[in-house]
Amino acid sequence: MRTVDYDQYMEQLRKKSLHLYTRWAAGQKDNALLSRKSRDLEEDKVLFLLDWKRWQEALTSGRIEKIGPRRYRWNG
């Protein structure tokens, strides 16, 4: 059986983890900037109204139930 120095092993894992995280975080920032499309005011209004209508329909049909202030239950 091979012996492993625990401290050295953990240091290697930490470096590898940090390297992967920094690569992921750098990629996320670039992707977030590229994928964010600014919407015009009219599109924002339309999307808000569609979302509000869908929410109201879910409340009236019983798919969503209000159980308290800022608390809702999804009934499927």
N, C-alpha and C. Protein backbone atom coordinates (compact mmCIF):
# COMPACT_ATOMS: atom_id res chain seq x y z
N MET A 1 0.85 -1.18 0.00
CA MET A 1 0.00 0.00 0.00
C MET A 1 0.89 1.24 0.00
N ARG A 2 0.48 2.21 -0.75
CA ARG A 2 1.23 3.45 -0.86
C ARG A 2 0.92 4.37 0.32
N THR A 3 1.92 5.04 0.85
CA THR A 3 1.69 5.99 1.93
C THR A 3 1.56 7.39 1.34
N VAL A 4 0.70 8.17 1.94
CA VAL A 4 0.42 9.52 1.45
C VAL A 4 0.61 10.50 2.60
N ASP A 5 1.32 11.57 2.32
CA ASP A 5 1.46 12.64 3.30
C ASP A 5 0.18 13.47 3.24
N TYR A 6 -0.58 13.45 4.31
CA TYR A 6 -1.89 14.10 4.34
C TYR A 6 -1.78 15.60 4.07
N ASP A 7 -0.84 16.28 4.70
CA ASP A 7 -0.70 17.73 4.52
C ASP A 7 -0.38 18.08 3.07
N GLN A 8 0.51 17.30 2.46
CA GLN A 8 0.87 17.55 1.07
C GLN A 8 -0.33 17.29 0.16
N TYR A 9 -1.06 16.21 0.43
CA TYR A 9 -2.23 15.87 -0.35
C TYR A 9 -3.29 16.98 -0.27
N MET A 10 -3.54 17.47 0.93
CA MET A 10 -4.53 18.54 1.10
C MET A 10 -4.08 19.82 0.41
N GLU A 11 -2.80 20.11 0.44
CA GLU A 11 -2.28 21.31 -0.23
C GLU A 11 -2.49 21.19 -1.74
N GLN A 12 -2.25 20.01 -2.30
CA GLN A 12 -2.47 19.80 -3.74
C GLN A 12 -3.95 19.96 -4.08
N LEU A 13 -4.81 19.41 -3.24
CA LEU A 13 -6.25 19.56 -3.48
C LEU A 13 -6.68 21.02 -3.41
N ARG A 14 -6.14 21.75 -2.44
CA ARG A 14 -6.50 23.16 -2.29
C ARG A 14 -6.08 23.95 -3.52
N LYS A 15 -4.87 23.71 -4.02
CA LYS A 15 -4.39 24.42 -5.21
C LYS A 15 -5.24 24.08 -6.42
N LYS A 16 -5.56 22.79 -6.58
CA LYS A 16 -6.37 22.37 -7.72
C LYS A 16 -7.77 22.98 -7.63
N SER A 17 -8.34 22.96 -6.44
CA SER A 17 -9.67 23.52 -6.24
C SER A 17 -9.69 25.02 -6.51
N LEU A 18 -8.68 25.71 -6.00
CA LEU A 18 -8.59 27.15 -6.22
C LEU A 18 -8.43 27.46 -7.70
N HIS A 19 -7.62 26.66 -8.39
CA HIS A 19 -7.41 26.87 -9.83
C HIS A 19 -8.73 26.68 -10.59
N LEU A 20 -9.45 25.60 -10.26
CA LEU A 20 -10.73 25.35 -10.94
C LEU A 20 -11.74 26.45 -10.65
N TYR A 21 -11.79 26.89 -9.39
CA TYR A 21 -12.74 27.93 -9.02
C TYR A 21 -12.43 29.24 -9.72
N THR A 22 -11.16 29.63 -9.77
CA THR A 22 -10.82 30.90 -10.41
C THR A 22 -11.09 30.84 -11.91
N ARG A 23 -10.86 29.68 -12.53
CA ARG A 23 -11.19 29.55 -13.96
C ARG A 23 -12.69 29.65 -14.16
N TRP A 24 -13.47 29.00 -13.28
CA TRP A 24 -14.92 29.03 -13.39
C TRP A 24 -15.45 30.45 -13.17
N ALA A 25 -14.93 31.12 -12.13
CA ALA A 25 -15.39 32.47 -11.81
C ALA A 25 -15.06 33.44 -12.93
N ALA A 26 -13.89 33.31 -13.51
CA ALA A 26 -13.51 34.19 -14.62
C ALA A 26 -14.43 33.95 -15.81
N GLY A 27 -14.75 32.70 -16.07
CA GLY A 27 -15.65 32.38 -17.17
C GLY A 27 -17.05 32.88 -16.92
N GLN A 28 -17.49 32.84 -15.68
CA GLN A 28 -18.83 33.31 -15.33
C GLN A 28 -18.96 34.80 -15.55
N LYS A 29 -17.94 35.55 -15.19
CA LYS A 29 -18.01 37.00 -15.37
C LYS A 29 -18.10 37.34 -16.85
N ASP A 30 -17.28 36.68 -17.66
CA ASP A 30 -17.30 36.96 -19.09
C ASP A 30 -18.64 36.57 -19.70
N ASN A 31 -19.14 35.39 -19.32
CA ASN A 31 -20.41 34.94 -19.87
C ASN A 31 -21.56 35.83 -19.42
N ALA A 32 -21.52 36.28 -18.19
CA ALA A 32 -22.60 37.12 -17.68
C ALA A 32 -22.64 38.44 -18.44
N LEU A 33 -21.48 38.99 -18.74
CA LEU A 33 -21.45 40.25 -19.46
C LEU A 33 -21.91 40.07 -20.90
N LEU A 34 -21.55 38.95 -21.50
CA LEU A 34 -21.91 38.73 -22.89
C LEU A 34 -23.38 38.35 -23.06
N SER A 35 -23.91 37.60 -22.09
CA SER A 35 -25.27 37.11 -22.27
C SER A 35 -26.33 38.11 -21.81
N ARG A 36 -25.95 39.14 -21.10
CA ARG A 36 -26.92 40.11 -20.60
C ARG A 36 -27.29 41.08 -21.71
N LYS A 37 -28.53 41.01 -22.11
CA LYS A 37 -29.03 41.89 -23.16
C LYS A 37 -29.88 42.96 -22.50
N SER A 38 -29.60 44.20 -22.77
CA SER A 38 -30.42 45.25 -22.19
C SER A 38 -31.75 45.31 -22.94
N ARG A 39 -32.82 45.42 -22.17
CA ARG A 39 -34.16 45.45 -22.76
C ARG A 39 -34.65 46.89 -22.84
N ASP A 40 -35.44 47.13 -23.85
CA ASP A 40 -36.03 48.46 -23.94
C ASP A 40 -37.22 48.54 -22.98
N LEU A 41 -37.69 49.73 -22.73
CA LEU A 41 -38.74 49.96 -21.74
C LEU A 41 -40.04 49.24 -22.11
N GLU A 42 -40.39 49.25 -23.38
CA GLU A 42 -41.62 48.61 -23.82
C GLU A 42 -41.58 47.09 -23.57
N GLU A 43 -40.45 46.48 -23.88
CA GLU A 43 -40.31 45.04 -23.66
C GLU A 43 -40.39 44.71 -22.16
N ASP A 44 -39.78 45.54 -21.33
CA ASP A 44 -39.85 45.34 -19.88
C ASP A 44 -41.30 45.39 -19.39
N LYS A 45 -42.07 46.35 -19.88
CA LYS A 45 -43.47 46.48 -19.47
C LYS A 45 -44.27 45.25 -19.88
N VAL A 46 -44.08 44.81 -21.12
CA VAL A 46 -44.83 43.66 -21.63
C VAL A 46 -44.49 42.40 -20.83
N LEU A 47 -43.22 42.17 -20.58
CA LEU A 47 -42.82 40.99 -19.81
C LEU A 47 -43.36 41.03 -18.39
N PHE A 48 -43.35 42.21 -17.78
CA PHE A 48 -43.90 42.35 -16.43
C PHE A 48 -45.39 42.04 -16.42
N LEU A 49 -46.13 42.59 -17.39
CA LEU A 49 -47.57 42.35 -17.43
C LEU A 49 -47.91 40.89 -17.70
N LEU A 50 -47.14 40.24 -18.57
CA LEU A 50 -47.37 38.82 -18.83
C LEU A 50 -47.10 37.98 -17.57
N ASP A 51 -46.04 38.31 -16.87
CA ASP A 51 -45.71 37.58 -15.65
C ASP A 51 -46.77 37.81 -14.58
N TRP A 52 -47.21 39.05 -14.43
CA TRP A 52 -48.24 39.38 -13.44
C TRP A 52 -49.54 38.63 -13.75
N LYS A 53 -49.92 38.59 -15.03
CA LYS A 53 -51.15 37.90 -15.44
C LYS A 53 -51.03 36.40 -15.14
N ARG A 54 -49.88 35.81 -15.45
CA ARG A 54 -49.68 34.39 -15.19
C ARG A 54 -49.75 34.10 -13.68
N TRP A 55 -49.18 34.99 -12.87
CA TRP A 55 -49.22 34.82 -11.42
C TRP A 55 -50.66 34.90 -10.90
N GLN A 56 -51.43 35.88 -11.39
CA GLN A 56 -52.82 36.03 -10.96
C GLN A 56 -53.66 34.83 -11.36
N GLU A 57 -53.43 34.30 -12.56
CA GLU A 57 -54.17 33.12 -13.00
C GLU A 57 -53.83 31.91 -12.13
N ALA A 58 -52.58 31.78 -11.73
CA ALA A 58 -52.18 30.67 -10.86
C ALA A 58 -52.83 30.81 -9.49
N LEU A 59 -52.94 32.04 -8.98
CA LEU A 59 -53.60 32.26 -7.69
C LEU A 59 -55.09 31.92 -7.76
N THR A 60 -55.76 32.37 -8.81
CA THR A 60 -57.21 32.13 -8.91
C THR A 60 -57.52 30.67 -9.19
N SER A 61 -56.66 29.97 -9.92
CA SER A 61 -56.92 28.56 -10.22
C SER A 61 -56.55 27.64 -9.06
N GLY A 62 -55.80 28.15 -8.09
CA GLY A 62 -55.42 27.33 -6.95
C GLY A 62 -54.08 26.63 -7.10
N ARG A 63 -53.40 26.82 -8.21
CA ARG A 63 -52.07 26.21 -8.37
C ARG A 63 -51.08 26.79 -7.38
N ILE A 64 -51.26 28.07 -7.05
CA ILE A 64 -50.45 28.72 -6.02
C ILE A 64 -51.40 29.21 -4.95
N GLU A 65 -51.04 28.98 -3.70
CA GLU A 65 -51.89 29.37 -2.57
C GLU A 65 -51.10 30.29 -1.66
N LYS A 66 -51.70 31.43 -1.31
CA LYS A 66 -51.05 32.36 -0.40
C LYS A 66 -51.29 31.88 1.02
N ILE A 67 -50.21 31.63 1.76
CA ILE A 67 -50.34 31.12 3.12
C ILE A 67 -49.88 32.13 4.16
N GLY A 68 -49.43 33.28 3.74
CA GLY A 68 -49.00 34.31 4.67
C GLY A 68 -48.37 35.45 3.89
N PRO A 69 -47.95 36.49 4.61
CA PRO A 69 -47.30 37.59 3.90
C PRO A 69 -45.98 37.11 3.30
N ARG A 70 -45.86 37.26 2.01
CA ARG A 70 -44.67 36.85 1.25
C ARG A 70 -44.40 35.35 1.32
N ARG A 71 -45.44 34.56 1.58
CA ARG A 71 -45.29 33.10 1.63
C ARG A 71 -46.38 32.46 0.79
N TYR A 72 -45.96 31.57 -0.10
CA TYR A 72 -46.88 30.91 -1.01
C TYR A 72 -46.60 29.41 -1.04
N ARG A 73 -47.61 28.64 -1.42
CA ARG A 73 -47.45 27.19 -1.56
C ARG A 73 -47.80 26.81 -2.98
N TRP A 74 -46.94 25.98 -3.59
CA TRP A 74 -47.17 25.49 -4.94
C TRP A 74 -47.99 24.21 -4.83
N ASN A 75 -49.17 24.20 -5.47
CA ASN A 75 -50.05 23.03 -5.42
C ASN A 75 -50.01 22.22 -6.71
N GLY A 76 -49.08 22.50 -7.55
CA GLY A 76 -48.88 21.69 -8.75
C GLY A 76 -49.80 22.04 -9.83
